[in-house]
Amino acid sequence: MDARELNVDYTERVVVNVDELPYAASPAAGVWRKRLELSGDGEHGRVTSVVRFDPGAHFPEHDHPGGEEVLVLDGHWCDERGSFGPGSYQLNPESFRHAPFTRTGCTLLVKLRQYVGPERPVVLVDTNAGSWIERGPSGVRSLPLYRSEEHGEYVRLTQLAPGAIAPRVDLPDGEEIFVLSGAFSDEYGEYARHTWLRLPRGHRHSPRATTGCLLYVKSGGFPR
């Protein structure tokens, strides 16, 4: 495998315990990252990472070919539009430019070059104030963040109450999951807080959560 490639076989099930990975330095001082997938040049390819900003760290102004997706995990991440605290979610399209920074320090889930298309909107969601949708009597509910039928993508937060067993899930377009809090399991294993999973097209599983959990979930969006 090319040294610039990491978890690029989208036909394989991938499970990564992010807390077990070391942080690596980025080109900006005080900004660190744990790469979960990478395709292409290390600084210009498609990538999913957990990124940490030290207090006072900043990135020079830059654009985002292929777009940017960010979920703030802790701390406050800022740019020219304001300050975004834990639970803030945003999608920034190809035409977007900013110079992000933090005063307090922060940790982010970041996906680059995975929001392709000049027609894409800017999306800003405060998940702390969102409207949840109950999914039947199973103790499962979801908070939609973004959906595009044209691009085959659906991003949401999903919460499983303690003891919840979700209906069997079929994934014709594949799915990514990041465990934000708690833990869940399925017939293939157990997944603690800060586990990242990528499940291939056609995968099926039955999630359950003994103690409850909160998940970031993205269906679709895989390269063709």
Protein backbone atom coordinates (compact mmCIF):
# COMPACT_ATOMS: atom_id res chain seq x y z
CA MET A 1 0.00 0.00 0.00
CA ASP A 2 1.19 3.51 -0.80
CA ALA A 3 2.37 5.36 2.33
CA ARG A 4 -0.14 8.08 1.49
CA GLU A 5 -3.04 5.64 1.71
CA LEU A 6 -4.84 4.48 4.83
CA ASN A 7 -8.04 2.42 4.98
CA VAL A 8 -8.83 3.02 1.31
CA ASP A 9 -10.51 -0.33 0.60
CA TYR A 10 -14.19 0.58 0.90
CA THR A 11 -15.26 -3.05 0.50
CA GLU A 12 -13.73 -3.86 3.91
CA ARG A 13 -15.17 -3.35 7.40
CA VAL A 14 -12.84 -1.05 9.36
CA VAL A 15 -12.80 -0.56 13.14
CA VAL A 16 -10.38 1.91 14.79
CA ASN A 17 -10.02 2.70 18.51
CA VAL A 18 -9.06 6.34 18.16
CA ASP A 19 -7.82 6.67 21.75
CA GLU A 20 -5.10 4.10 21.00
CA LEU A 21 -3.65 6.18 18.14
CA PRO A 22 -0.89 8.76 18.73
CA TYR A 23 -1.36 12.34 17.61
CA ALA A 24 0.88 13.51 14.76
CA ALA A 25 1.85 17.11 14.07
CA SER A 26 0.07 19.03 11.31
CA PRO A 27 1.66 21.85 9.25
CA ALA A 28 0.27 24.39 11.76
CA ALA A 29 1.97 24.77 15.15
CA GLY A 30 -0.17 23.48 18.00
CA VAL A 31 -2.55 21.54 15.73
CA TRP A 32 -2.40 17.74 15.96
CA ARG A 33 -4.25 14.96 14.18
CA LYS A 34 -5.07 11.27 14.19
CA ARG A 35 -5.83 10.11 10.66
CA LEU A 36 -8.51 7.45 10.29
CA GLU A 37 -8.58 7.28 6.49
CA LEU A 38 -6.47 8.94 3.83
CA SER A 39 -6.52 8.72 0.05
CA GLY A 40 -4.08 10.77 -1.98
CA ASP A 41 -1.49 13.34 -1.00
CA GLY A 42 -1.12 13.71 2.76
CA GLU A 43 -2.00 17.42 2.80
CA HIS A 44 -4.38 17.52 -0.16
CA GLY A 45 -6.19 14.18 -0.23
CA ARG A 46 -9.50 12.83 0.97
CA VAL A 47 -9.10 12.37 4.72
CA THR A 48 -11.03 11.68 7.91
CA SER A 49 -9.26 12.70 11.12
CA VAL A 50 -9.65 13.56 14.77
CA VAL A 51 -7.92 16.94 15.14
CA ARG A 52 -6.77 18.65 18.34
CA PHE A 53 -6.00 22.37 18.63
CA ASP A 54 -3.87 23.43 21.59
CA PRO A 55 -5.06 26.60 23.39
CA GLY A 56 -4.25 29.60 21.20
CA ALA A 57 -3.50 27.54 18.08
CA HIS A 58 -4.62 28.75 14.66
CA PHE A 59 -4.52 27.84 10.97
CA PRO A 60 -3.68 30.41 8.26
CA GLU A 61 -6.55 31.37 5.96
CA HIS A 62 -7.27 28.62 3.44
CA ASP A 63 -9.97 27.25 1.17
CA HIS A 64 -11.42 23.74 1.01
CA PRO A 65 -11.36 22.03 -2.41
CA GLY A 66 -13.86 19.21 -2.08
CA GLY A 67 -15.45 20.80 0.98
CA GLU A 68 -15.09 20.30 4.73
CA GLU A 69 -17.18 18.64 7.44
CA VAL A 70 -16.58 19.36 11.15
CA LEU A 71 -18.14 18.14 14.39
CA VAL A 72 -16.79 19.80 17.55
CA LEU A 73 -16.13 17.13 20.18
CA ASP A 74 -14.89 19.41 22.97
CA GLY A 75 -13.68 22.96 23.53
CA HIS A 76 -14.48 25.90 21.27
CA TRP A 77 -13.39 26.18 17.64
CA CYS A 78 -13.61 29.62 16.05
CA ASP A 79 -13.38 31.40 12.73
CA GLU A 80 -14.62 34.67 11.24
CA ARG A 81 -18.25 33.61 11.82
CA GLY A 82 -17.97 33.09 15.57
CA SER A 83 -17.22 30.46 18.21
CA PHE A 84 -18.51 26.88 17.94
CA GLY A 85 -18.76 24.78 21.09
CA PRO A 86 -19.20 21.07 21.77
CA GLY A 87 -21.89 19.56 19.55
CA SER A 88 -21.53 22.19 16.81
CA TYR A 89 -21.73 20.67 13.32
CA GLN A 90 -20.87 22.34 10.05
CA LEU A 91 -20.46 21.64 6.36
CA ASN A 92 -18.39 24.12 4.38
CA PRO A 93 -18.52 23.91 0.55
CA GLU A 94 -15.74 24.22 -2.00
CA SER A 95 -15.99 28.01 -2.26
CA PHE A 96 -15.57 28.55 1.49
CA ARG A 97 -12.47 30.21 3.01
CA HIS A 98 -11.61 30.77 6.66
CA ALA A 99 -8.80 31.05 9.20
CA PRO A 100 -9.83 28.80 12.13
CA PHE A 101 -8.42 29.20 15.63
CA THR A 102 -9.16 28.48 19.27
CA ARG A 103 -8.61 30.34 22.50
CA THR A 104 -9.41 27.46 24.86
CA GLY A 105 -8.28 24.44 22.84
CA CYS A 106 -10.62 21.99 21.12
CA THR A 107 -10.98 18.56 19.56
CA LEU A 108 -12.78 17.97 16.25
CA LEU A 109 -13.94 15.18 13.97
CA VAL A 110 -12.95 16.46 10.51
CA LYS A 111 -13.68 15.12 7.02
CA LEU A 112 -12.00 16.81 4.04
CA ARG A 113 -12.77 16.52 0.30
CA GLN A 114 -15.98 14.64 1.03
CA TYR A 115 -18.50 17.43 0.34
CA VAL A 116 -17.91 17.84 -3.37
CA GLY A 117 -20.00 20.06 -5.63
CA PRO A 118 -20.25 23.83 -6.20
CA GLU A 119 -23.98 23.81 -5.39
CA ARG A 120 -23.55 22.56 -1.84
CA PRO A 121 -24.91 24.80 0.95
CA VAL A 122 -23.19 25.99 4.11
CA VAL A 123 -24.66 23.98 7.00
CA LEU A 124 -24.40 25.09 10.64
CA VAL A 125 -26.23 23.02 13.29
CA ASP A 126 -26.15 23.29 17.08
CA THR A 127 -26.95 19.71 18.00
CA ASN A 128 -27.66 20.76 21.58
CA ALA A 129 -30.80 22.54 20.34
CA GLY A 130 -31.88 20.14 17.59
CA SER A 131 -35.16 18.26 17.15
CA TRP A 132 -34.84 14.52 17.71
CA ILE A 133 -36.93 11.94 15.85
CA GLU A 134 -38.07 8.86 17.74
CA ARG A 135 -37.61 5.62 15.82
CA GLY A 136 -40.43 3.51 17.20
CA PRO A 137 -40.56 1.85 20.64
CA SER A 138 -36.97 0.53 20.46
CA GLY A 139 -35.28 3.31 22.51
CA VAL A 140 -33.55 4.69 19.41
CA ARG A 141 -33.82 8.29 18.21
CA SER A 142 -32.00 10.40 15.61
CA LEU A 143 -31.12 14.05 15.02
CA PRO A 144 -30.77 14.75 11.26
CA LEU A 145 -27.82 16.99 10.35
CA TYR A 146 -27.73 16.83 6.54
CA ARG A 147 -29.37 14.83 3.78
CA SER A 148 -28.83 14.87 0.01
CA GLU A 149 -30.74 12.49 -2.21
CA GLU A 150 -28.66 13.66 -5.18
CA HIS A 151 -25.38 12.69 -3.52
CA GLY A 152 -26.76 9.71 -1.59
CA GLU A 153 -25.71 11.04 1.82
CA TYR A 154 -27.47 11.14 5.17
CA VAL A 155 -25.68 12.47 8.27
CA ARG A 156 -27.23 12.37 11.73
CA LEU A 157 -26.65 11.78 15.41
CA THR A 158 -28.21 8.58 16.73
CA GLN A 159 -28.87 7.89 20.39
CA LEU A 160 -29.55 4.46 21.86
CA ALA A 161 -31.09 4.43 25.35
CA PRO A 162 -29.72 1.97 27.95
CA GLY A 163 -30.88 -1.49 26.96
CA ALA A 164 -31.98 -0.40 23.47
CA ILE A 165 -31.83 -2.86 20.59
CA ALA A 166 -32.09 -1.27 17.16
CA PRO A 167 -33.94 -3.02 14.33
CA ARG A 168 -31.61 -4.89 11.97
CA VAL A 169 -29.99 -2.31 9.70
CA ASP A 170 -29.29 -2.89 6.01
CA LEU A 171 -26.59 -0.62 4.53
CA PRO A 172 -26.83 -0.61 0.72
CA ASP A 173 -24.67 2.52 0.55
CA GLY A 174 -22.31 1.78 3.44
CA GLU A 175 -21.99 3.76 6.67
CA GLU A 176 -19.55 5.46 9.00
CA ILE A 177 -20.04 5.56 12.79
CA PHE A 178 -18.10 7.47 15.45
CA VAL A 179 -18.97 6.69 19.07
CA LEU A 180 -19.29 10.07 20.80
CA SER A 181 -20.22 8.72 24.23
CA GLY A 182 -21.15 5.43 25.84
CA ALA A 183 -20.69 2.17 23.93
CA PHE A 184 -22.61 -0.18 21.68
CA SER A 185 -22.23 -3.67 20.27
CA ASP A 186 -23.48 -5.77 17.38
CA GLU A 187 -23.00 -9.35 16.26
CA TYR A 188 -19.41 -8.54 15.21
CA GLY A 189 -18.03 -6.89 18.34
CA GLU A 190 -18.15 -4.18 21.00
CA TYR A 191 -17.33 -0.52 20.37
CA ALA A 192 -16.31 1.85 23.14
CA ARG A 193 -16.30 5.65 23.20
CA HIS A 194 -14.16 7.14 20.41
CA THR A 195 -14.34 4.08 18.19
CA TRP A 196 -14.61 4.82 14.46
CA LEU A 197 -16.23 2.25 12.18
CA ARG A 198 -16.62 2.19 8.42
CA LEU A 199 -19.04 -0.46 7.20
CA PRO A 200 -19.06 -1.40 3.49
CA ARG A 201 -21.94 -1.32 1.04
CA GLY A 202 -24.28 -4.26 1.63
CA HIS A 203 -23.31 -4.72 5.27
CA ARG A 204 -26.01 -5.68 7.80
CA HIS A 205 -25.94 -5.52 11.59
CA SER A 206 -28.10 -5.19 14.71
CA PRO A 207 -26.77 -2.49 17.09
CA ARG A 208 -27.57 -2.63 20.80
CA ALA A 209 -26.43 -0.59 23.79
CA THR A 210 -26.43 -2.00 27.32
CA THR A 211 -25.55 1.31 28.96
CA GLY A 212 -26.65 3.68 26.15
CA CYS A 213 -24.62 5.62 23.59
CA LEU A 214 -24.51 8.64 21.30
CA LEU A 215 -23.23 8.13 17.75
CA TYR A 216 -22.27 10.24 14.75
CA VAL A 217 -23.57 8.33 11.71
CA LYS A 218 -23.02 9.02 8.00
CA SER A 219 -24.69 6.80 5.38
CA GLY A 220 -23.33 6.88 1.84
CA GLY A 221 -20.71 9.24 0.47
CA PHE A 222 -18.20 6.50 -0.39
CA PRO A 223 -16.09 6.91 -3.55
CA ARG A 224 -17.42 5.08 -6.57
